[in-house]
Amino acid sequence: MEQRKHTRYRVDYAASFSGDGIKGYGLIFDLSSAGCRARTNITVSKGEFVGVLIDVTQYTTPLQVALAVARWSHGQEFGLEFTRIEPNHQQQLRELIQATEAARALPQDTETQ
């Protein structure tokens, strides 16, 4: 099995996708510093380019990926590689990944007696 370059994290963010003749909404449920896996109300074909706005609850504005390419597609689920993201949004993405990673390291809530 091939080892990934970038660790993926389970997330649950609403997102919008737009491109040449494409406009849709969906969920991102895997996220890494280089891409994501999404499920939408539209079909995005392998090789298509889209812009992505990720609605991160703790951010006042969506995290914007200027350009991403679909590396695989199965129905309304697809994997995107982020190919162009502005430096300020790249920094936000790094911080989001770090926060997600840190949250995973926290112990589960336990009852105290």
N, C-alpha and C. Protein backbone atom coordinates (compact mmCIF):
# COMPACT_ATOMS: atom_id res chain seq x y z
N MET A 1 0.84 -1.18 0.00
CA MET A 1 0.00 0.00 0.00
C MET A 1 0.89 1.25 0.00
N GLU A 2 0.52 2.22 -0.82
CA GLU A 2 1.31 3.44 -0.95
C GLU A 2 1.12 4.34 0.27
N GLN A 3 2.23 4.87 0.78
CA GLN A 3 2.20 5.78 1.93
C GLN A 3 1.91 7.20 1.44
N ARG A 4 1.00 7.89 2.10
CA ARG A 4 0.66 9.26 1.72
C ARG A 4 1.71 10.23 2.23
N LYS A 5 1.92 11.31 1.47
CA LYS A 5 2.85 12.36 1.89
C LYS A 5 2.28 13.21 3.01
N HIS A 6 0.96 13.42 2.98
CA HIS A 6 0.30 14.32 3.92
C HIS A 6 -0.75 13.56 4.72
N THR A 7 -0.68 13.70 6.03
CA THR A 7 -1.65 13.03 6.90
C THR A 7 -3.04 13.61 6.67
N ARG A 8 -4.02 12.71 6.57
CA ARG A 8 -5.42 13.13 6.42
C ARG A 8 -6.10 13.08 7.77
N TYR A 9 -7.01 14.03 7.98
CA TYR A 9 -7.75 14.11 9.23
C TYR A 9 -9.24 14.08 8.94
N ARG A 10 -9.97 13.34 9.77
CA ARG A 10 -11.43 13.31 9.65
C ARG A 10 -11.97 14.65 10.14
N VAL A 11 -12.78 15.28 9.32
CA VAL A 11 -13.39 16.56 9.66
C VAL A 11 -14.84 16.53 9.18
N ASP A 12 -15.55 17.58 9.46
CA ASP A 12 -16.93 17.71 9.01
C ASP A 12 -17.21 19.18 8.75
N TYR A 13 -16.86 19.65 7.55
CA TYR A 13 -17.03 21.06 7.19
C TYR A 13 -17.92 21.18 5.97
N ALA A 14 -18.83 22.14 6.03
CA ALA A 14 -19.62 22.47 4.84
C ALA A 14 -18.69 23.19 3.86
N ALA A 15 -18.96 23.02 2.57
CA ALA A 15 -18.12 23.67 1.57
C ALA A 15 -18.93 23.94 0.31
N SER A 16 -18.45 24.91 -0.46
CA SER A 16 -19.04 25.14 -1.78
C SER A 16 -17.93 24.97 -2.81
N PHE A 17 -18.33 24.52 -3.99
CA PHE A 17 -17.41 24.21 -5.07
C PHE A 17 -17.89 24.92 -6.32
N SER A 18 -16.97 25.55 -7.05
CA SER A 18 -17.38 26.22 -8.28
C SER A 18 -16.26 26.13 -9.31
N GLY A 19 -16.67 26.10 -10.55
CA GLY A 19 -15.71 26.02 -11.65
C GLY A 19 -16.44 26.22 -12.95
N ASP A 20 -15.83 25.80 -14.02
CA ASP A 20 -16.40 25.94 -15.36
C ASP A 20 -17.70 25.16 -15.47
N GLY A 21 -18.82 25.84 -15.32
CA GLY A 21 -20.11 25.17 -15.40
C GLY A 21 -20.47 24.36 -14.17
N ILE A 22 -19.71 24.52 -13.09
CA ILE A 22 -19.92 23.75 -11.86
C ILE A 22 -20.25 24.71 -10.72
N LYS A 23 -21.29 24.41 -9.98
CA LYS A 23 -21.58 25.13 -8.75
C LYS A 23 -22.35 24.18 -7.86
N GLY A 24 -21.79 23.89 -6.70
CA GLY A 24 -22.44 22.95 -5.82
C GLY A 24 -22.02 23.12 -4.38
N TYR A 25 -22.71 22.40 -3.52
CA TYR A 25 -22.47 22.45 -2.08
C TYR A 25 -22.31 21.04 -1.56
N GLY A 26 -21.56 20.92 -0.48
CA GLY A 26 -21.38 19.60 0.07
C GLY A 26 -20.62 19.62 1.37
N LEU A 27 -20.02 18.49 1.68
CA LEU A 27 -19.26 18.31 2.92
C LEU A 27 -17.86 17.84 2.61
N ILE A 28 -16.92 18.35 3.38
CA ILE A 28 -15.56 17.84 3.35
C ILE A 28 -15.41 16.98 4.59
N PHE A 29 -14.98 15.73 4.40
CA PHE A 29 -14.86 14.85 5.56
C PHE A 29 -13.49 14.24 5.74
N ASP A 30 -12.56 14.47 4.84
CA ASP A 30 -11.14 14.18 5.04
C ASP A 30 -10.39 15.42 4.59
N LEU A 31 -9.40 15.85 5.37
CA LEU A 31 -8.67 17.06 5.03
C LEU A 31 -7.19 16.86 5.33
N SER A 32 -6.35 17.33 4.42
CA SER A 32 -4.90 17.36 4.65
C SER A 32 -4.40 18.71 4.18
N SER A 33 -3.12 18.96 4.36
CA SER A 33 -2.55 20.22 3.90
C SER A 33 -2.49 20.30 2.38
N ALA A 34 -2.70 19.19 1.70
CA ALA A 34 -2.59 19.15 0.24
C ALA A 34 -3.90 18.89 -0.48
N GLY A 35 -4.97 18.55 0.25
CA GLY A 35 -6.22 18.24 -0.44
C GLY A 35 -7.30 17.79 0.51
N CYS A 36 -8.37 17.27 -0.08
CA CYS A 36 -9.51 16.84 0.73
C CYS A 36 -10.33 15.80 -0.03
N ARG A 37 -11.21 15.16 0.72
CA ARG A 37 -12.21 14.27 0.14
C ARG A 37 -13.56 14.90 0.45
N ALA A 38 -14.42 14.96 -0.56
CA ALA A 38 -15.70 15.65 -0.40
C ALA A 38 -16.84 14.85 -0.99
N ARG A 39 -18.03 15.18 -0.52
CA ARG A 39 -19.27 14.63 -1.07
C ARG A 39 -20.17 15.83 -1.35
N THR A 40 -20.74 15.89 -2.56
CA THR A 40 -21.53 17.05 -2.95
C THR A 40 -22.84 16.67 -3.61
N ASN A 41 -23.61 17.72 -3.93
CA ASN A 41 -24.87 17.54 -4.65
C ASN A 41 -24.65 17.58 -6.16
N ILE A 42 -23.40 17.62 -6.61
CA ILE A 42 -23.06 17.66 -8.03
C ILE A 42 -22.03 16.57 -8.33
N THR A 43 -21.79 16.35 -9.59
CA THR A 43 -20.74 15.41 -9.98
C THR A 43 -19.54 16.20 -10.47
N VAL A 44 -18.39 15.92 -9.89
CA VAL A 44 -17.13 16.52 -10.34
C VAL A 44 -16.31 15.38 -10.91
N SER A 45 -15.93 15.50 -12.16
CA SER A 45 -15.20 14.43 -12.85
C SER A 45 -13.70 14.53 -12.60
N LYS A 46 -13.05 13.38 -12.67
CA LYS A 46 -11.60 13.33 -12.54
C LYS A 46 -10.99 14.30 -13.56
N GLY A 47 -10.03 15.12 -13.09
CA GLY A 47 -9.36 16.08 -13.95
C GLY A 47 -9.99 17.45 -13.99
N GLU A 48 -11.20 17.60 -13.45
CA GLU A 48 -11.85 18.91 -13.44
C GLU A 48 -11.22 19.80 -12.38
N PHE A 49 -11.21 21.10 -12.66
CA PHE A 49 -10.69 22.10 -11.74
C PHE A 49 -11.84 22.85 -11.09
N VAL A 50 -11.72 23.09 -9.79
CA VAL A 50 -12.74 23.83 -9.05
C VAL A 50 -12.07 24.74 -8.03
N GLY A 51 -12.79 25.77 -7.64
CA GLY A 51 -12.44 26.57 -6.49
C GLY A 51 -13.25 26.05 -5.32
N VAL A 52 -12.72 26.19 -4.12
CA VAL A 52 -13.39 25.63 -2.94
C VAL A 52 -13.44 26.68 -1.84
N LEU A 53 -14.60 26.83 -1.22
CA LEU A 53 -14.75 27.64 -0.02
C LEU A 53 -15.15 26.70 1.10
N ILE A 54 -14.31 26.63 2.14
CA ILE A 54 -14.55 25.72 3.26
C ILE A 54 -15.05 26.53 4.45
N ASP A 55 -16.22 26.18 4.94
CA ASP A 55 -16.84 26.89 6.06
C ASP A 55 -16.35 26.28 7.37
N VAL A 56 -15.34 26.92 7.94
CA VAL A 56 -14.76 26.48 9.21
C VAL A 56 -15.41 27.31 10.32
N THR A 57 -16.08 26.65 11.23
CA THR A 57 -16.88 27.32 12.26
C THR A 57 -16.13 28.43 12.98
N GLN A 58 -14.87 28.19 13.34
CA GLN A 58 -14.15 29.17 14.13
C GLN A 58 -13.58 30.34 13.31
N TYR A 59 -13.75 30.32 11.99
CA TYR A 59 -13.27 31.41 11.13
C TYR A 59 -14.44 32.31 10.75
N THR A 60 -14.19 33.62 10.69
CA THR A 60 -15.24 34.56 10.31
C THR A 60 -15.52 34.53 8.80
N THR A 61 -14.54 34.15 8.01
CA THR A 61 -14.74 34.01 6.57
C THR A 61 -14.29 32.61 6.15
N PRO A 62 -14.84 32.10 5.06
CA PRO A 62 -14.46 30.75 4.62
C PRO A 62 -12.98 30.67 4.24
N LEU A 63 -12.41 29.51 4.44
CA LEU A 63 -11.06 29.22 3.97
C LEU A 63 -11.18 28.99 2.46
N GLN A 64 -10.41 29.73 1.69
CA GLN A 64 -10.56 29.69 0.24
C GLN A 64 -9.39 28.98 -0.43
N VAL A 65 -9.72 27.98 -1.23
CA VAL A 65 -8.75 27.31 -2.10
C VAL A 65 -9.05 27.82 -3.50
N ALA A 66 -8.12 28.60 -4.06
CA ALA A 66 -8.36 29.23 -5.36
C ALA A 66 -8.56 28.20 -6.46
N LEU A 67 -7.78 27.11 -6.41
CA LEU A 67 -7.88 26.10 -7.46
C LEU A 67 -7.51 24.73 -6.91
N ALA A 68 -8.32 23.75 -7.25
CA ALA A 68 -8.05 22.36 -6.88
C ALA A 68 -8.44 21.49 -8.06
N VAL A 69 -7.77 20.35 -8.19
CA VAL A 69 -8.07 19.42 -9.28
C VAL A 69 -8.58 18.11 -8.69
N ALA A 70 -9.62 17.57 -9.32
CA ALA A 70 -10.17 16.29 -8.88
C ALA A 70 -9.24 15.17 -9.34
N ARG A 71 -8.68 14.44 -8.40
CA ARG A 71 -7.76 13.34 -8.71
C ARG A 71 -8.51 12.02 -8.88
N TRP A 72 -9.68 11.91 -8.28
CA TRP A 72 -10.54 10.74 -8.47
C TRP A 72 -11.98 11.17 -8.22
N SER A 73 -12.91 10.41 -8.75
CA SER A 73 -14.32 10.72 -8.59
C SER A 73 -15.14 9.43 -8.67
N HIS A 74 -16.06 9.28 -7.72
CA HIS A 74 -17.01 8.16 -7.70
C HIS A 74 -18.37 8.74 -7.38
N GLY A 75 -19.17 8.97 -8.41
CA GLY A 75 -20.49 9.57 -8.20
C GLY A 75 -20.35 10.98 -7.68
N GLN A 76 -20.93 11.22 -6.52
CA GLN A 76 -20.88 12.56 -5.93
C GLN A 76 -19.80 12.69 -4.85
N GLU A 77 -18.90 11.75 -4.81
CA GLU A 77 -17.76 11.80 -3.89
C GLU A 77 -16.49 11.91 -4.73
N PHE A 78 -15.56 12.75 -4.28
CA PHE A 78 -14.34 12.95 -5.05
C PHE A 78 -13.20 13.41 -4.16
N GLY A 79 -11.98 13.25 -4.65
CA GLY A 79 -10.79 13.70 -3.96
C GLY A 79 -10.16 14.86 -4.70
N LEU A 80 -9.83 15.92 -3.98
CA LEU A 80 -9.23 17.10 -4.58
C LEU A 80 -7.80 17.28 -4.11
N GLU A 81 -6.95 17.69 -5.02
CA GLU A 81 -5.60 18.14 -4.69
C GLU A 81 -5.61 19.66 -4.81
N PHE A 82 -5.19 20.34 -3.73
CA PHE A 82 -5.14 21.80 -3.76
C PHE A 82 -3.93 22.21 -4.60
N THR A 83 -4.18 22.97 -5.67
CA THR A 83 -3.08 23.36 -6.56
C THR A 83 -2.73 24.84 -6.45
N ARG A 84 -3.69 25.66 -6.00
CA ARG A 84 -3.39 27.08 -5.80
C ARG A 84 -4.19 27.60 -4.62
N ILE A 85 -3.45 28.11 -3.65
CA ILE A 85 -4.07 28.67 -2.45
C ILE A 85 -3.22 29.87 -2.02
N GLU A 86 -3.87 30.99 -1.78
CA GLU A 86 -3.16 32.21 -1.41
C GLU A 86 -2.44 32.02 -0.07
N PRO A 87 -1.32 32.73 0.14
CA PRO A 87 -0.52 32.53 1.36
C PRO A 87 -1.31 32.68 2.66
N ASN A 88 -2.21 33.66 2.75
CA ASN A 88 -2.96 33.82 4.01
C ASN A 88 -3.91 32.64 4.25
N HIS A 89 -4.48 32.10 3.18
CA HIS A 89 -5.35 30.93 3.33
C HIS A 89 -4.52 29.66 3.57
N GLN A 90 -3.33 29.60 3.00
CA GLN A 90 -2.42 28.48 3.26
C GLN A 90 -2.06 28.45 4.74
N GLN A 91 -1.81 29.63 5.31
CA GLN A 91 -1.51 29.73 6.74
C GLN A 91 -2.71 29.29 7.57
N GLN A 92 -3.90 29.72 7.19
CA GLN A 92 -5.12 29.28 7.90
C GLN A 92 -5.27 27.77 7.84
N LEU A 93 -4.99 27.20 6.67
CA LEU A 93 -5.10 25.74 6.51
C LEU A 93 -4.09 25.04 7.41
N ARG A 94 -2.86 25.54 7.46
CA ARG A 94 -1.84 24.95 8.36
C ARG A 94 -2.30 25.00 9.81
N GLU A 95 -2.83 26.16 10.22
CA GLU A 95 -3.31 26.31 11.60
C GLU A 95 -4.48 25.37 11.89
N LEU A 96 -5.37 25.22 10.92
CA LEU A 96 -6.51 24.32 11.08
C LEU A 96 -6.05 22.87 11.22
N ILE A 97 -5.09 22.47 10.41
CA ILE A 97 -4.54 21.11 10.49
C ILE A 97 -3.88 20.90 11.85
N GLN A 98 -3.11 21.88 12.31
CA GLN A 98 -2.45 21.77 13.62
C GLN A 98 -3.47 21.66 14.74
N ALA A 99 -4.54 22.46 14.68
CA ALA A 99 -5.58 22.41 15.71
C ALA A 99 -6.31 21.07 15.68
N THR A 100 -6.56 20.56 14.49
CA THR A 100 -7.22 19.26 14.35
C THR A 100 -6.34 18.16 14.90
N GLU A 101 -5.05 18.24 14.60
CA GLU A 101 -4.10 17.25 15.10
C GLU A 101 -4.02 17.30 16.62
N ALA A 102 -3.98 18.50 17.19
CA ALA A 102 -3.91 18.66 18.64
C ALA A 102 -5.18 18.14 19.31
N ALA A 103 -6.33 18.39 18.70
CA ALA A 103 -7.60 17.92 19.27
C ALA A 103 -7.66 16.40 19.29
N ARG A 104 -7.07 15.77 18.29
CA ARG A 104 -7.06 14.30 18.25
C ARG A 104 -6.22 13.73 19.38
N ALA A 105 -5.24 14.49 19.84
CA ALA A 105 -4.34 14.01 20.88
C ALA A 105 -4.96 14.14 22.28
N LEU A 106 -6.03 14.92 22.39
CA LEU A 106 -6.66 15.10 23.69
C LEU A 106 -7.36 13.82 24.12
N PRO A 107 -7.33 13.52 25.42
CA PRO A 107 -8.04 12.33 25.90
C PRO A 107 -9.54 12.51 25.74
N GLN A 108 -10.24 11.40 25.59
CA GLN A 108 -11.70 11.43 25.48
C GLN A 108 -12.28 11.89 26.81
N ASP A 109 -13.46 12.51 26.75
CA ASP A 109 -14.15 12.92 27.97
C ASP A 109 -14.42 11.68 28.82
N THR A 110 -14.09 11.77 30.07
CA THR A 110 -14.36 10.66 30.98
C THR A 110 -15.11 11.19 32.19
N GLU A 111 -15.93 10.35 32.73
CA GLU A 111 -16.67 10.74 33.93
C GLU A 111 -15.75 10.62 35.13
N THR A 112 -15.84 11.60 36.01
CA THR A 112 -15.07 11.53 37.25
C THR A 112 -16.01 11.16 38.38
N GLN A 113 -15.52 10.38 39.30
CA GLN A 113 -16.37 9.95 40.41
C GLN A 113 -15.86 10.52 41.69
